[in-house]
Amino acid sequence: MKSEDLFKEAKNYLPGGVDSPVRAIKPYPFFAIKGEGPRLFDVDGNSYLDYCLAYGPLVLGHAYPPVMEAVSKQLSMGTAYGVPTENEIKLAKEVVRRVPCAEMVRFVNSGTEATMSAIRLARAVTGKSKIVKFEGAYHGAHDYVLVKSGSGAFGLPDSPGVPEETTKNTLLVPFNDEEAITSLVGKEKEELAAIILEPVMGNVGCIPPKKGFLEFLRKITAENNIILIFDEVITGFRIAEGGAQEYFGVTPDLVTFGKILGGGFPIGALAGKREFMERIAPAGDVYQAGTFNGNPISITAGLETMKHLDKDFYQAMNVKGLEMRRGLENILEDASLNYPVAGLSSMFQIYFTDNEVWDYSQAKSADTEKFNSYFQTLLGSGVFIPPSQFECCFLSQAHSSEDIQKTLEAMEKGIKTL
């Protein structure tokens, strides 16, 4: 069956025909049949240079042979045990070795579970209830953070079914706005348990912190008994060996991971200072549990992936990222367009707006119709990027310089059609 036929059938059994809203491409999504290296292949016989990479996890590319071999070996020995494995210790030690704030780790099943657990732990440690998140930041689909995470009215839940009383303790401020944070902390510090943020906002396109902003957050939280949580589900193990906290030189109290840590399999993790992490059950009184926590398949894939993420890897990825972003900037300059190109390391995005983009409101000024036209032109040229202006694009180790040049040719064509 072709993708169009499969989508018609899927709508009878899956809400909207997909299992996640971001996959709802108009007029219908292509249905993948396999991935290999930098490419995705669909049931219609097409192949695409892939810069979505399952929204970030596949930093080594699709079906990376050493990971596939390790997983195949583990599969032959079982998929879940309900008891610990030695590999859980090995992967935890690797996280602790790499990540500045990590002294202990709890493995969970998704980034959503990780951020939910981090917030619960921060509330328990401080004895306070309110949290601060930044407008447009996405920290998973649980109720406490589903507030202005890309759409929705200010201060209200983004989804029906989330009671207002559930989110009354979630306070919102613009990203990169020190004055707003200073004012809010001055009013609410006796009730603020945590500030949670993506160090690089990856769900509003790709917005980096302004110089000194993360240092400011570290200082004001330390002075006011507020837990600083870095959500590194996207940046973790992508932009540096120790993630964004190594890259920017700012150490939070707690950090959450997902995506790359699982080597292409479902995973999440919460890590941080020992004094906080030992509050988690069964060592302490903060409850967190899961049937598939530390699943041997995900742990094995993550452990094998980590073996290949060394300093040479990050240097090479930085070169590729610069090649892509500078190529895009040159295309825009030749077209006399002032659209900002955002990103760092192996992350990139173009915003279809003449405004600078440092926060959610500025990102929302981007022309989504122009982006959709650009996306469709790329798809027709065999290049797949996330189908939303407000997602980040990713490079993998598998993308060659030749792949990037082919992609830039397609991007130039897409921009010229606007």
Foldseek 3Di string as FASTA:
>chain_A
DFQVVQQVVLVVPPPCSDDDVLQQFPPRHFAFDFWDQQWTAGPVGAIFREQCCVVAQQQATGPDPVLVVLLVVVVVVHWADQDDDPLVVVLQVLLPVQAPFFPGKWKDFAQLQQVVLVLLLLCVVQVAHAEEEEALADRDDDQQPQANVQDDDHLAGPDPPRDSVSNNRYHYDWAQDLVVVVVVCVVQLSRAREYEYACWRFQLATAHHDPPRLVSVLVVCVVRVHFYEHECQRQDLQQASNGPCVVNVHHGAKYKYFRNLQLPHGMIMIGGDPVSVCCEPPSHDRDDDDSCTPTVSSSSNNSSSSVPSDPVQQVVQQVVCCLLQVLVVVLCVVVVHQWDWDDGRFKIATFQDNDDDNTNVRSVVGDFVLLQQLQVLSVVLRHHARNGNRGITGDHPSQDPVNSVSSSVSNSVSVVVD
